[in-house]
Structure formats: C-alpha cells, structure tokens
PDB file of all heavy atoms in Angstrom:
ATOM      1  N   LYS A   1      62.767  48.361  38.741  1.00  0.00           N
ATOM      2  CA  LYS A   1      62.489  48.654  40.189  1.00  0.00           C
ATOM      3  C   LYS A   1      61.932  50.072  40.350  1.00  0.00           C
ATOM      4  O   LYS A   1      61.072  50.323  41.090  1.00  0.00           O
ATOM      5  CB  LYS A   1      63.773  48.596  40.954  1.00  0.00           C
ATOM      6  CG  LYS A   1      64.365  47.175  41.164  1.00  0.00           C
ATOM      7  CD  LYS A   1      65.571  47.141  41.891  1.00  0.00           C
ATOM      8  CE  LYS A   1      66.052  45.678  41.880  1.00  0.00           C
ATOM      9  NZ  LYS A   1      67.446  45.604  42.502  1.00  0.00           N
ATOM     10  N   MET A   2      62.412  51.048  39.485  1.00  0.00           N
ATOM     11  CA  MET A   2      61.864  52.434  39.566  1.00  0.00           C
ATOM     12  C   MET A   2      60.543  52.448  38.901  1.00  0.00           C
ATOM     13  O   MET A   2      59.658  53.125  39.325  1.00  0.00           O
ATOM     14  CB  MET A   2      62.896  53.317  38.883  1.00  0.00           C
ATOM     15  CG  MET A   2      64.157  53.571  39.706  1.00  0.00           C
ATOM     16  SD  MET A   2      65.333  54.674  38.961  1.00  0.00           S
ATOM     17  CE  MET A   2      66.104  53.705  37.756  1.00  0.00           C
ATOM     18  N   GLU A   3      60.319  51.872  37.714  1.00  0.00           N
ATOM     19  CA  GLU A   3      59.068  51.954  36.979  1.00  0.00           C
ATOM     20  C   GLU A   3      57.984  51.258  37.896  1.00  0.00           C
ATOM     21  O   GLU A   3      56.870  51.703  37.699  1.00  0.00           O
ATOM     22  CB  GLU A   3      59.208  51.180  35.616  1.00  0.00           C
ATOM     23  CG  GLU A   3      59.989  51.992  34.646  1.00  0.00           C
ATOM     24  CD  GLU A   3      60.225  51.254  33.401  1.00  0.00           C
ATOM     25  OE1 GLU A   3      59.831  50.098  33.270  1.00  0.00           O
ATOM     26  OE2 GLU A   3      60.693  51.829  32.439  1.00  0.00           O
ATOM     27  N   GLN A   4      58.343  50.397  38.708  1.00  0.00           N
ATOM     28  CA  GLN A   4      57.203  49.653  39.452  1.00  0.00           C
ATOM     29  C   GLN A   4      56.578  50.644  40.349  1.00  0.00           C
ATOM     30  O   GLN A   4      55.314  50.434  40.592  1.00  0.00           O
ATOM     31  CB  GLN A   4      57.990  48.578  40.232  1.00  0.00           C
ATOM     32  CG  GLN A   4      56.979  47.743  41.087  1.00  0.00           C
ATOM     33  CD  GLN A   4      57.713  46.634  41.915  1.00  0.00           C
ATOM     34  OE1 GLN A   4      58.896  46.539  41.721  1.00  0.00           O
ATOM     35  NE2 GLN A   4      56.997  45.891  42.679  1.00  0.00           N
ATOM     36  N   TYR A   5      57.228  51.659  40.912  1.00  0.00           N
ATOM     37  CA  TYR A   5      56.619  52.484  41.869  1.00  0.00           C
ATOM     38  C   TYR A   5      56.299  53.868  41.268  1.00  0.00           C
ATOM     39  O   TYR A   5      55.780  54.693  41.976  1.00  0.00           O
ATOM     40  CB  TYR A   5      57.565  52.645  43.069  1.00  0.00           C
ATOM     41  CG  TYR A   5      57.711  51.388  43.799  1.00  0.00           C
ATOM     42  CD1 TYR A   5      58.845  50.641  43.712  1.00  0.00           C
ATOM     43  CD2 TYR A   5      56.664  50.879  44.584  1.00  0.00           C
ATOM     44  CE1 TYR A   5      58.935  49.398  44.400  1.00  0.00           C
ATOM     45  CE2 TYR A   5      56.763  49.671  45.391  1.00  0.00           C
ATOM     46  CZ  TYR A   5      57.920  49.021  45.203  1.00  0.00           C
ATOM     47  OH  TYR A   5      58.062  47.836  45.922  1.00  0.00           O
ATOM     48  N   TYR A   6      56.687  54.143  40.029  1.00  0.00           N
ATOM     49  CA  TYR A   6      56.537  55.395  39.522  1.00  0.00           C
ATOM     50  C   TYR A   6      55.103  55.782  39.294  1.00  0.00           C
ATOM     51  O   TYR A   6      54.613  56.804  39.707  1.00  0.00           O
ATOM     52  CB  TYR A   6      57.254  55.580  38.061  1.00  0.00           C
ATOM     53  CG  TYR A   6      56.965  56.867  37.450  1.00  0.00           C
ATOM     54  CD1 TYR A   6      57.634  58.027  37.821  1.00  0.00           C
ATOM     55  CD2 TYR A   6      56.046  57.041  36.392  1.00  0.00           C
ATOM     56  CE1 TYR A   6      57.355  59.170  37.282  1.00  0.00           C
ATOM     57  CE2 TYR A   6      55.813  58.238  35.808  1.00  0.00           C
ATOM     58  CZ  TYR A   6      56.512  59.396  36.275  1.00  0.00           C
ATOM     59  OH  TYR A   6      56.291  60.593  35.669  1.00  0.00           O
ATOM     60  N   VAL A   7      54.323  54.836  38.654  1.00  0.00           N
ATOM     61  CA  VAL A   7      52.887  55.203  38.424  1.00  0.00           C
ATOM     62  C   VAL A   7      52.004  55.412  39.677  1.00  0.00           C
ATOM     63  O   VAL A   7      51.332  56.363  39.777  1.00  0.00           O
ATOM     64  CB  VAL A   7      52.188  54.057  37.521  1.00  0.00           C
ATOM     65  CG1 VAL A   7      50.784  54.261  37.257  1.00  0.00           C
ATOM     66  CG2 VAL A   7      52.950  54.112  36.188  1.00  0.00           C
ATOM     67  N   PRO A   8      52.118  54.429  40.637  1.00  0.00           N
ATOM     68  CA  PRO A   8      51.349  54.721  41.926  1.00  0.00           C
ATOM     69  C   PRO A   8      51.743  56.001  42.606  1.00  0.00           C
ATOM     70  O   PRO A   8      50.989  56.655  43.164  1.00  0.00           O
ATOM     71  CB  PRO A   8      51.642  53.437  42.842  1.00  0.00           C
ATOM     72  CG  PRO A   8      52.211  52.489  41.892  1.00  0.00           C
ATOM     73  CD  PRO A   8      52.846  53.191  40.762  1.00  0.00           C
ATOM     74  N   LEU A   9      53.117  56.273  42.609  1.00  0.00           N
ATOM     75  CA  LEU A   9      53.626  57.447  43.297  1.00  0.00           C
ATOM     76  C   LEU A   9      53.082  58.646  42.553  1.00  0.00           C
ATOM     77  O   LEU A   9      52.724  59.645  43.289  1.00  0.00           O
ATOM     78  CB  LEU A   9      55.099  57.414  43.364  1.00  0.00           C
ATOM     79  CG  LEU A   9      55.735  58.567  44.141  1.00  0.00           C
ATOM     80  CD1 LEU A   9      55.302  58.592  45.537  1.00  0.00           C
ATOM     81  CD2 LEU A   9      57.309  58.484  43.999  1.00  0.00           C
ATOM     82  N   CYS A  10      53.098  58.628  41.331  1.00  0.00           N
ATOM     83  CA  CYS A  10      52.716  59.843  40.518  1.00  0.00           C
ATOM     84  C   CYS A  10      51.142  60.031  40.722  1.00  0.00           C
ATOM     85  O   CYS A  10      50.751  61.172  40.924  1.00  0.00           O
ATOM     86  CB  CYS A  10      52.954  59.582  39.012  1.00  0.00           C
ATOM     87  SG  CYS A  10      52.775  60.966  37.971  1.00  0.00           S
ATOM     88  N   CYS A  11      50.320  59.005  40.732  1.00  0.00           N
ATOM     89  CA  CYS A  11      48.933  59.115  40.983  1.00  0.00           C
ATOM     90  C   CYS A  11      48.586  59.666  42.403  1.00  0.00           C
ATOM     91  O   CYS A  11      47.776  60.540  42.471  1.00  0.00           O
ATOM     92  CB  CYS A  11      48.218  57.798  40.852  1.00  0.00           C
ATOM     93  SG  CYS A  11      48.191  57.150  39.104  1.00  0.00           S
ATOM     94  N   ALA A  12      49.271  59.109  43.299  1.00  0.00           N
ATOM     95  CA  ALA A  12      49.066  59.540  44.704  1.00  0.00           C
ATOM     96  C   ALA A  12      49.528  61.109  44.814  1.00  0.00           C
ATOM     97  O   ALA A  12      48.791  61.912  45.445  1.00  0.00           O
ATOM     98  CB  ALA A  12      49.939  58.767  45.682  1.00  0.00           C
ATOM     99  N   TYR A  13      50.628  61.450  44.194  1.00  0.00           N
ATOM    100  CA  TYR A  13      51.064  62.902  44.222  1.00  0.00           C
ATOM    101  C   TYR A  13      50.036  63.876  43.588  1.00  0.00           C
ATOM    102  O   TYR A  13      49.720  64.821  44.200  1.00  0.00           O
ATOM    103  CB  TYR A  13      52.389  63.052  43.491  1.00  0.00           C
ATOM    104  CG  TYR A  13      52.976  64.368  43.675  1.00  0.00           C
ATOM    105  CD1 TYR A  13      53.768  64.730  44.655  1.00  0.00           C
ATOM    106  CD2 TYR A  13      52.784  65.379  42.646  1.00  0.00           C
ATOM    107  CE1 TYR A  13      54.411  66.020  44.793  1.00  0.00           C
ATOM    108  CE2 TYR A  13      53.240  66.581  42.690  1.00  0.00           C
ATOM    109  CZ  TYR A  13      54.126  66.908  43.847  1.00  0.00           C
ATOM    110  OH  TYR A  13      54.637  68.182  43.986  1.00  0.00           O
ATOM    111  N   LYS A  14      49.449  63.340  42.504  1.00  0.00           N
ATOM    112  CA  LYS A  14      48.528  64.244  41.746  1.00  0.00           C
ATOM    113  C   LYS A  14      47.192  64.365  42.556  1.00  0.00           C
ATOM    114  O   LYS A  14      46.631  65.442  42.649  1.00  0.00           O
ATOM    115  CB  LYS A  14      48.157  63.618  40.409  1.00  0.00           C
ATOM    116  CG  LYS A  14      49.275  63.819  39.410  1.00  0.00           C
ATOM    117  CD  LYS A  14      48.909  63.227  38.052  1.00  0.00           C
ATOM    118  CE  LYS A  14      49.967  63.311  37.050  1.00  0.00           C
ATOM    119  NZ  LYS A  14      49.714  62.609  35.753  1.00  0.00           N
ATOM    120  N   ILE A  15      46.705  63.284  43.202  1.00  0.00           N
ATOM    121  CA  ILE A  15      45.564  63.373  43.993  1.00  0.00           C
ATOM    122  C   ILE A  15      45.786  64.274  45.248  1.00  0.00           C
ATOM    123  O   ILE A  15      44.918  65.143  45.578  1.00  0.00           O
ATOM    124  CB  ILE A  15      45.116  61.885  44.418  1.00  0.00           C
ATOM    125  CG1 ILE A  15      44.596  61.218  43.230  1.00  0.00           C
ATOM    126  CG2 ILE A  15      44.016  61.955  45.526  1.00  0.00           C
ATOM    127  CD1 ILE A  15      44.411  59.643  43.470  1.00  0.00           C
ATOM    128  N   ILE A  16      46.851  64.061  45.907  1.00  0.00           N
ATOM    129  CA  ILE A  16      47.085  64.848  47.086  1.00  0.00           C
ATOM    130  C   ILE A  16      47.339  66.361  46.765  1.00  0.00           C
ATOM    131  O   ILE A  16      46.764  67.218  47.466  1.00  0.00           O
ATOM    132  CB  ILE A  16      48.313  64.271  47.875  1.00  0.00           C
ATOM    133  CG1 ILE A  16      47.978  62.910  48.444  1.00  0.00           C
ATOM    134  CG2 ILE A  16      48.746  65.284  49.012  1.00  0.00           C
ATOM    135  CD1 ILE A  16      49.195  62.110  48.970  1.00  0.00           C
ATOM    136  N   SER A  17      48.016  66.624  45.690  1.00  0.00           N
ATOM    137  CA  SER A  17      48.237  67.992  45.316  1.00  0.00           C
ATOM    138  C   SER A  17      46.929  68.678  44.858  1.00  0.00           C
ATOM    139  O   SER A  17      46.822  69.912  45.145  1.00  0.00           O
ATOM    140  CB  SER A  17      49.369  68.164  44.227  1.00  0.00           C
ATOM    141  OG  SER A  17      48.944  67.526  43.057  1.00  0.00           O
ATOM    142  N   SER A  18      46.063  67.947  44.285  1.00  0.00           N
ATOM    143  CA  SER A  18      44.813  68.541  43.869  1.00  0.00           C
ATOM    144  C   SER A  18      43.876  68.749  45.108  1.00  0.00           C
ATOM    145  O   SER A  18      43.092  69.747  45.090  1.00  0.00           O
ATOM    146  CB  SER A  18      44.035  67.722  42.839  1.00  0.00           C
ATOM    147  OG  SER A  18      43.649  66.464  43.418  1.00  0.00           O
ATOM    148  N   GLU A  19      44.045  67.923  46.058  1.00  0.00           N
ATOM    149  CA  GLU A  19      43.187  68.081  47.286  1.00  0.00           C
ATOM    150  C   GLU A  19      43.638  69.220  48.276  1.00  0.00           C
ATOM    151  O   GLU A  19      42.843  69.816  48.902  1.00  0.00           O
ATOM    152  CB  GLU A  19      43.095  66.703  48.042  1.00  0.00           C
ATOM    153  CG  GLU A  19      42.392  65.634  47.312  1.00  0.00           C
ATOM    154  CD  GLU A  19      40.924  65.800  47.314  1.00  0.00           C
ATOM    155  OE1 GLU A  19      40.340  66.272  48.259  1.00  0.00           O
ATOM    156  OE2 GLU A  19      40.265  65.444  46.278  1.00  0.00           O
ATOM    157  N   LEU A  20      44.936  69.279  48.351  1.00  0.00           N
ATOM    158  CA  LEU A  20      45.587  70.196  49.301  1.00  0.00           C
ATOM    159  C   LEU A  20      46.271  71.352  48.534  1.00  0.00           C
ATOM    160  O   LEU A  20      47.419  71.258  48.078  1.00  0.00           O
ATOM    161  CB  LEU A  20      46.605  69.474  50.207  1.00  0.00           C
ATOM    162  CG  LEU A  20      46.105  68.353  51.014  1.00  0.00           C
ATOM    163  CD1 LEU A  20      47.295  67.654  51.783  1.00  0.00           C
ATOM    164  CD2 LEU A  20      45.012  68.792  51.996  1.00  0.00           C
ATOM    165  N   LYS A  21      45.580  72.480  48.490  1.00  0.00           N
ATOM    166  CA  LYS A  21      46.129  73.696  47.903  1.00  0.00           C
ATOM    167  C   LYS A  21      47.066  74.426  48.843  1.00  0.00           C
ATOM    168  O   LYS A  21      46.667  74.493  50.043  1.00  0.00           O
ATOM    169  CB  LYS A  21      45.046  74.575  47.310  1.00  0.00           C
ATOM    170  CG  LYS A  21      44.126  73.843  46.324  1.00  0.00           C
ATOM    171  CD  LYS A  21      44.838  73.546  45.055  1.00  0.00           C
ATOM    172  CE  LYS A  21      43.795  72.952  44.054  1.00  0.00           C
ATOM    173  NZ  LYS A  21      44.363  72.248  43.003  1.00  0.00           N
ATOM    174  N   GLY A  22      48.118  74.944  48.430  1.00  0.00           N
ATOM    175  CA  GLY A  22      48.990  75.766  49.298  1.00  0.00           C
ATOM    176  C   GLY A  22      49.959  75.030  50.140  1.00  0.00           C
ATOM    177  O   GLY A  22      50.616  75.554  50.977  1.00  0.00           O
ATOM    178  N   VAL A  23      50.013  73.722  49.992  1.00  0.00           N
ATOM    179  CA  VAL A  23      50.955  72.918  50.712  1.00  0.00           C
ATOM    180  C   VAL A  23      52.214  72.635  49.987  1.00  0.00           C
ATOM    181  O   VAL A  23      52.187  72.628  48.685  1.00  0.00           O
ATOM    182  CB  VAL A  23      50.278  71.481  51.061  1.00  0.00           C
ATOM    183  CG1 VAL A  23      51.316  70.655  51.831  1.00  0.00           C
ATOM    184  CG2 VAL A  23      49.045  71.689  51.878  1.00  0.00           C
ATOM    185  N   SER A  24      53.442  72.662  50.554  1.00  0.00           N
ATOM    186  CA  SER A  24      54.649  72.644  49.871  1.00  0.00           C
ATOM    187  C   SER A  24      54.815  71.316  49.144  1.00  0.00           C
ATOM    188  O   SER A  24      54.275  70.288  49.564  1.00  0.00           O
ATOM    189  CB  SER A  24      55.843  72.767  50.810  1.00  0.00           C
ATOM    190  OG  SER A  24      55.995  71.659  51.617  1.00  0.00           O
ATOM    191  N   LYS A  25      55.457  71.356  47.979  1.00  0.00           N
ATOM    192  CA  LYS A  25      55.647  70.192  47.164  1.00  0.00           C
ATOM    193  C   LYS A  25      56.423  69.038  47.909  1.00  0.00           C
ATOM    194  O   LYS A  25      56.181  67.899  47.714  1.00  0.00           O
ATOM    195  CB  LYS A  25      56.449  70.539  45.929  1.00  0.00           C
ATOM    196  CG  LYS A  25      55.689  71.447  44.906  1.00  0.00           C
ATOM    197  CD  LYS A  25      56.435  71.642  43.696  1.00  0.00           C
ATOM    198  CE  LYS A  25      55.605  72.536  42.748  1.00  0.00           C
ATOM    199  NZ  LYS A  25      56.369  72.826  41.567  1.00  0.00           N
ATOM    200  N   LYS A  26      57.374  69.415  48.767  1.00  0.00           N
ATOM    201  CA  LYS A  26      58.074  68.527  49.531  1.00  0.00           C
ATOM    202  C   LYS A  26      57.150  67.724  50.521  1.00  0.00           C
ATOM    203  O   LYS A  26      57.316  66.493  50.549  1.00  0.00           O
ATOM    204  CB  LYS A  26      59.219  69.253  50.285  1.00  0.00           C
ATOM    205  CG  LYS A  26      60.104  68.330  51.176  1.00  0.00           C
ATOM    206  CD  LYS A  26      61.170  69.169  51.829  1.00  0.00           C
ATOM    207  CE  LYS A  26      62.129  68.276  52.654  1.00  0.00           C
ATOM    208  NZ  LYS A  26      63.242  69.121  53.344  1.00  0.00           N
ATOM    209  N   LEU A  27      56.220  68.403  51.174  1.00  0.00           N
ATOM    210  CA  LEU A  27      55.303  67.749  52.030  1.00  0.00           C
ATOM    211  C   LEU A  27      54.405  66.794  51.242  1.00  0.00           C
ATOM    212  O   LEU A  27      54.121  65.730  51.753  1.00  0.00           O
ATOM    213  CB  LEU A  27      54.636  68.766  52.867  1.00  0.00           C
ATOM    214  CG  LEU A  27      53.625  68.267  53.944  1.00  0.00           C
ATOM    215  CD1 LEU A  27      54.428  67.440  54.992  1.00  0.00           C
ATOM    216  CD2 LEU A  27      52.899  69.424  54.618  1.00  0.00           C
ATOM    217  N   ILE A  28      53.902  67.283  50.094  1.00  0.00           N
ATOM    218  CA  ILE A  28      53.115  66.460  49.234  1.00  0.00           C
ATOM    219  C   ILE A  28      53.758  65.181  48.838  1.00  0.00           C
ATOM    220  O   ILE A  28      53.138  64.137  48.883  1.00  0.00           O
ATOM    221  CB  ILE A  28      52.540  67.320  48.062  1.00  0.00           C
ATOM    222  CG1 ILE A  28      51.613  68.392  48.593  1.00  0.00           C
ATOM    223  CG2 ILE A  28      51.821  66.390  47.085  1.00  0.00           C
ATOM    224  CD1 ILE A  28      51.184  69.318  47.495  1.00  0.00           C
ATOM    225  N   LEU A  29      55.047  65.289  48.562  1.00  0.00           N
ATOM    226  CA  LEU A  29      55.799  64.116  48.174  1.00  0.00           C
ATOM    227  C   LEU A  29      55.933  63.198  49.272  1.00  0.00           C
ATOM    228  O   LEU A  29      55.811  61.973  49.069  1.00  0.00           O
ATOM    229  CB  LEU A  29      57.160  64.547  47.610  1.00  0.00           C
ATOM    230  CG  LEU A  29      58.087  63.397  47.135  1.00  0.00           C
ATOM    231  CD1 LEU A  29      57.422  62.639  45.975  1.00  0.00           C
ATOM    232  CD2 LEU A  29      59.424  63.898  46.586  1.00  0.00           C
ATOM    233  N   GLN A  30      56.189  63.654  50.505  1.00  0.00           N
ATOM    234  CA  GLN A  30      56.276  62.789  51.632  1.00  0.00           C
ATOM    235  C   GLN A  30      54.988  62.059  51.898  1.00  0.00           C
ATOM    236  O   GLN A  30      54.924  60.851  52.187  1.00  0.00           O
ATOM    237  CB  GLN A  30      56.631  63.686  52.878  1.00  0.00           C
ATOM    238  CG  GLN A  30      58.040  64.126  52.901  1.00  0.00           C
ATOM    239  CD  GLN A  30      58.330  64.978  54.139  1.00  0.00           C
ATOM    240  OE1 GLN A  30      57.438  65.397  54.892  1.00  0.00           O
ATOM    241  NE2 GLN A  30      59.571  65.288  54.391  1.00  0.00           N
ATOM    242  N   MET A  31      53.877  62.809  51.772  1.00  0.00           N
ATOM    243  CA  MET A  31      52.562  62.150  51.877  1.00  0.00           C
ATOM    244  C   MET A  31      52.315  61.064  50.834  1.00  0.00           C
ATOM    245  O   MET A  31      51.722  60.050  51.171  1.00  0.00           O
ATOM    246  CB  MET A  31      51.509  63.244  51.843  1.00  0.00           C
ATOM    247  CG  MET A  31      51.366  64.086  53.053  1.00  0.00           C
ATOM    248  SD  MET A  31      49.909  65.130  52.876  1.00  0.00           S
ATOM    249  CE  MET A  31      50.520  66.708  53.289  1.00  0.00           C
ATOM    250  N   ALA A  32      52.731  61.356  49.547  1.00  0.00           N
ATOM    251  CA  ALA A  32      52.530  60.406  48.552  1.00  0.00           C
ATOM    252  C   ALA A  32      53.388  59.114  48.778  1.00  0.00           C
ATOM    253  O   ALA A  32      52.776  58.032  48.517  1.00  0.00           O
ATOM    254  CB  ALA A  32      52.920  61.031  47.179  1.00  0.00           C
ATOM    255  N   VAL A  33      54.561  59.284  49.196  1.00  0.00           N
ATOM    256  CA  VAL A  33      55.357  58.085  49.490  1.00  0.00           C
ATOM    257  C   VAL A  33      54.791  57.278  50.588  1.00  0.00           C
ATOM    258  O   VAL A  33      54.766  56.085  50.549  1.00  0.00           O
ATOM    259  CB  VAL A  33      56.895  58.553  49.847  1.00  0.00           C
ATOM    260  CG1 VAL A  33      57.664  57.356  50.269  1.00  0.00           C
ATOM    261  CG2 VAL A  33      57.571  59.119  48.544  1.00  0.00           C
ATOM    262  N   LYS A  34      54.279  57.970  51.613  1.00  0.00           N
ATOM    263  CA  LYS A  34      53.706  57.293  52.737  1.00  0.00           C
ATOM    264  C   LYS A  34      52.440  56.565  52.274  1.00  0.00           C
ATOM    265  O   LYS A  34      52.165  55.408  52.744  1.00  0.00           O
ATOM    266  CB  LYS A  34      53.295  58.271  53.830  1.00  0.00           C
ATOM    267  CG  LYS A  34      52.719  57.743  55.041  1.00  0.00           C
ATOM    268  CD  LYS A  34      53.583  56.802  55.828  1.00  0.00           C
ATOM    269  CE  LYS A  34      52.858  56.446  57.118  1.00  0.00           C
ATOM    270  NZ  LYS A  34      53.458  55.199  57.726  1.00  0.00           N
ATOM    271  N   ALA A  35      51.637  57.117  51.445  1.00  0.00           N
ATOM    272  CA  ALA A  35      50.388  56.505  50.908  1.00  0.00           C
ATOM    273  C   ALA A  35      50.842  55.304  50.121  1.00  0.00           C
ATOM    274  O   ALA A  35      50.062  54.247  50.204  1.00  0.00           O
ATOM    275  CB  ALA A  35      49.614  57.451  50.063  1.00  0.00           C
ATOM    276  N   VAL A  36      51.791  55.360  49.302  1.00  0.00           N
ATOM    277  CA  VAL A  36      52.197  54.272  48.409  1.00  0.00           C
ATOM    278  C   VAL A  36      52.785  53.116  49.379  1.00  0.00           C
ATOM    279  O   VAL A  36      52.548  51.892  49.126  1.00  0.00           O
ATOM    280  CB  VAL A  36      53.208  54.588  47.341  1.00  0.00           C
ATOM    281  CG1 VAL A  36      53.873  53.436  46.718  1.00  0.00           C
ATOM    282  CG2 VAL A  36      52.560  55.533  46.351  1.00  0.00           C
ATOM    283  N   ASN A  37      53.466  53.432  50.321  1.00  0.00           N
ATOM    284  CA  ASN A  37      54.068  52.456  51.300  1.00  0.00           C
ATOM    285  C   ASN A  37      52.993  51.730  52.107  1.00  0.00           C
ATOM    286  O   ASN A  37      53.209  50.651  52.542  1.00  0.00           O
ATOM    287  CB  ASN A  37      55.092  53.059  52.257  1.00  0.00           C
ATOM    288  CG  ASN A  37      56.402  53.339  51.556  1.00  0.00           C
ATOM    289  OD1 ASN A  37      56.777  52.768  50.476  1.00  0.00           O
ATOM    290  ND2 ASN A  37      57.190  54.213  52.121  1.00  0.00           N
ATOM    291  N   ASN A  38      51.898  52.455  52.348  1.00  0.00           N
ATOM    292  CA  ASN A  38      50.819  51.845  53.173  1.00  0.00           C
ATOM    293  C   ASN A  38      49.782  51.119  52.273  1.00  0.00           C
ATOM    294  O   ASN A  38      48.837  50.563  52.717  1.00  0.00           O
ATOM    295  CB  ASN A  38      50.099  52.954  53.922  1.00  0.00           C
ATOM    296  CG  ASN A  38      50.865  53.421  55.070  1.00  0.00           C
ATOM    297  OD1 ASN A  38      51.805  52.826  55.538  1.00  0.00           O
ATOM    298  ND2 ASN A  38      50.517  54.585  55.653  1.00  0.00           N
ATOM    299  N   SER A  39      50.050  51.193  50.994  1.00  0.00           N
ATOM    300  CA  SER A  39      49.153  50.387  49.952  1.00  0.00           C
ATOM    301  C   SER A  39      49.580  48.903  49.923  1.00  0.00           C
ATOM    302  O   SER A  39      50.760  48.568  50.197  1.00  0.00           O
ATOM    303  CB  SER A  39      49.268  51.044  48.633  1.00  0.00           C
ATOM    304  OG  SER A  39      48.833  52.415  48.703  1.00  0.00           O
ATOM    305  N   THR A  40      48.593  48.141  49.521  1.00  0.00           N
ATOM    306  CA  THR A  40      48.884  46.670  49.383  1.00  0.00           C
ATOM    307  C   THR A  40      49.851  46.455  48.278  1.00  0.00           C
ATOM    308  O   THR A  40      49.628  46.957  47.100  1.00  0.00           O
ATOM    309  CB  THR A  40      47.662  45.924  49.252  1.00  0.00           C
ATOM    310  OG1 THR A  40      46.714  46.236  50.277  1.00  0.00           O
ATOM    311  CG2 THR A  40      47.877  44.431  49.121  1.00  0.00           C
ATOM    312  N   GLY A  41      50.905  45.679  48.404  1.00  0.00           N
ATOM    313  CA  GLY A  41      51.814  45.421  47.426  1.00  0.00           C
ATOM    314  C   GLY A  41      51.303  44.207  46.556  1.00  0.00           C
ATOM    315  O   GLY A  41      50.269  43.713  46.688  1.00  0.00           O
ATOM    316  N   PRO A  42      52.186  43.819  45.528  1.00  0.00           N
ATOM    317  CA  PRO A  42      51.739  42.695  44.640  1.00  0.00           C
ATOM    318  C   PRO A  42      51.450  41.403  45.338  1.00  0.00           C
ATOM    319  O   PRO A  42      50.715  40.582  44.821  1.00  0.00           O
ATOM    320  CB  PRO A  42      52.902  42.669  43.644  1.00  0.00           C
ATOM    321  CG  PRO A  42      54.092  43.318  44.304  1.00  0.00           C
ATOM    322  CD  PRO A  42      53.467  44.251  45.285  1.00  0.00           C
TER     323      PRO A  42
END
C-alpha cells in the first residue's frame, strides 16, 4: 500500500520543489499529495 504511492508522490515532490524555490518543504509536500490525489488512479 505504501509502495503504490511512493513513486508518484516522490516524482510530484521533486517536480514541485524544482519549480518553486524558497517554498517550505511542508507546503511542497501538501501540494504533492494533492497532485497525486487529483491524478487518475489505476
């Protein structure tokens, strides 16, 4: 269950953190989780 969401969450986190410099890690994580939740599931 954890591995299923690790890769998409990690990718979203990396993309958002590279695009938004100076934003807190907590806010970037919230954005990444929201992006994964809004993505199409299996």
